[in-house]
Protein backbone atom coordinates (compact mmCIF):
# COMPACT_ATOMS: atom_id res chain seq x y z
CA UNK A 1 4.79 9.81 -4.07
CA UNK A 2 3.17 12.61 -6.03
CA UNK A 3 -0.57 13.03 -5.63
CA UNK A 4 -2.77 14.10 -8.54
CA UNK A 5 -6.40 15.19 -8.52
CA UNK A 6 -8.44 13.15 -11.01
CA UNK A 7 -9.14 16.10 -13.31
CA UNK A 8 -5.44 17.03 -13.34
CA UNK A 9 -4.46 13.40 -14.02
CA UNK A 10 -6.85 13.26 -16.98
CA UNK A 11 -5.56 16.53 -18.41
CA UNK A 12 -1.89 15.56 -17.97
CA UNK A 13 -2.01 11.80 -18.49
CA UNK A 14 1.18 11.67 -20.57
CA UNK A 15 3.15 13.40 -17.82
CA UNK A 16 1.61 11.17 -15.15
CA UNK A 17 2.64 8.03 -17.08
CA UNK A 18 6.18 9.33 -17.61
CA UNK A 19 6.52 10.16 -13.92
CA UNK A 20 5.24 6.74 -12.88
CA UNK A 21 7.97 5.21 -15.05
CA UNK A 22 10.76 7.54 -13.91
CA UNK A 23 9.86 8.69 -10.38
CA UNK A 24 7.80 5.79 -9.05
CA UNK A 25 4.15 5.34 -8.05
CA UNK A 26 1.73 8.23 -8.62
CA UNK A 27 -1.43 8.57 -6.52
CA UNK A 28 -4.71 9.81 -8.00
CA UNK A 29 -7.33 11.25 -5.67
CA UNK A 30 -11.08 11.67 -6.07
CA UNK A 31 -12.75 14.26 -3.84
CA UNK A 32 -9.57 14.46 -1.77
CA UNK A 33 -9.46 10.72 -1.04
CA UNK A 34 -6.82 8.36 -2.45
CA UNK A 35 -8.48 6.33 -5.20
CA UNK A 36 -5.77 4.60 -7.23
CA UNK A 37 -2.03 4.43 -7.66
CA UNK A 38 -0.40 4.35 -11.09
CA UNK A 39 2.80 2.28 -11.27
CA UNK A 40 5.13 1.39 -14.13
CA UNK A 41 4.66 -1.91 -15.95
CA UNK A 42 7.97 -3.14 -14.51
CA UNK A 43 6.89 -2.31 -10.96
CA UNK A 44 3.52 -3.98 -11.49
CA UNK A 45 5.20 -7.14 -12.85
CA UNK A 46 7.53 -7.23 -9.82
CA UNK A 47 4.64 -6.78 -7.39
CA UNK A 48 2.42 -9.42 -8.98
CA UNK A 49 5.16 -12.00 -9.52
CA UNK A 50 5.95 -11.97 -5.79
CA UNK A 51 2.32 -12.65 -4.93
CA UNK A 52 1.79 -15.25 -7.61
CA UNK A 53 4.64 -17.44 -6.43
CA UNK A 54 1.95 -19.47 -4.66
CA UNK A 55 3.73 -19.61 -1.35
CA UNK A 56 1.96 -22.08 0.87
CA UNK A 57 0.37 -21.02 4.12
CA UNK A 58 2.87 -23.25 5.90
CA UNK A 59 5.80 -21.32 4.35
CA UNK A 60 4.23 -17.99 5.33
CA UNK A 61 3.69 -19.15 8.90
CA UNK A 62 7.25 -20.46 9.16
CA UNK A 63 8.60 -17.01 8.18
CA UNK A 64 6.28 -15.10 10.52
CA UNK A 65 8.08 -13.19 13.29
CA UNK A 66 7.01 -14.86 16.53
CA UNK A 67 9.81 -13.87 18.86
CA UNK A 68 12.24 -16.40 20.27
CA UNK A 69 9.80 -19.31 20.19
CA UNK A 70 9.77 -21.87 17.41
CA UNK A 71 6.52 -22.31 15.54
CA UNK A 72 5.12 -25.78 16.16
CA UNK A 73 1.97 -26.69 14.29
CA UNK A 74 0.73 -30.17 14.92
CA UNK A 75 -2.51 -31.81 15.94
CA UNK A 76 -3.02 -33.04 19.45
CA UNK A 77 -3.44 -36.82 19.00
CA UNK A 78 -5.76 -36.91 22.02
CA UNK A 79 -8.23 -34.50 20.42
CA UNK A 80 -11.29 -36.33 19.15
CA UNK A 81 -13.42 -35.25 16.25
CA UNK A 82 -16.84 -33.89 17.01
CA UNK A 83 -19.70 -36.13 16.08
CA UNK A 84 -22.33 -34.56 13.88
CA UNK A 85 -25.90 -35.75 14.02
CA UNK A 86 -27.47 -36.54 10.67
């Protein structure tokens, strides 16, 4: 990933945009620290569509790498609810 200083990115915005489309993400730094990354519209759509699929927490937990054990999530029927004083 190419890194651009902010002032260079402003001066060469057209080139930065073309490179994001052809070469992949382009990082812009401010005072030597990574500030933003410019990506193509296609890459952004791919990234956001994966996250917006609204995968449930249950599905995420089922896919989590937990070794050789199976993931079992269930309530202990013997556990009682705490009573809250009003």
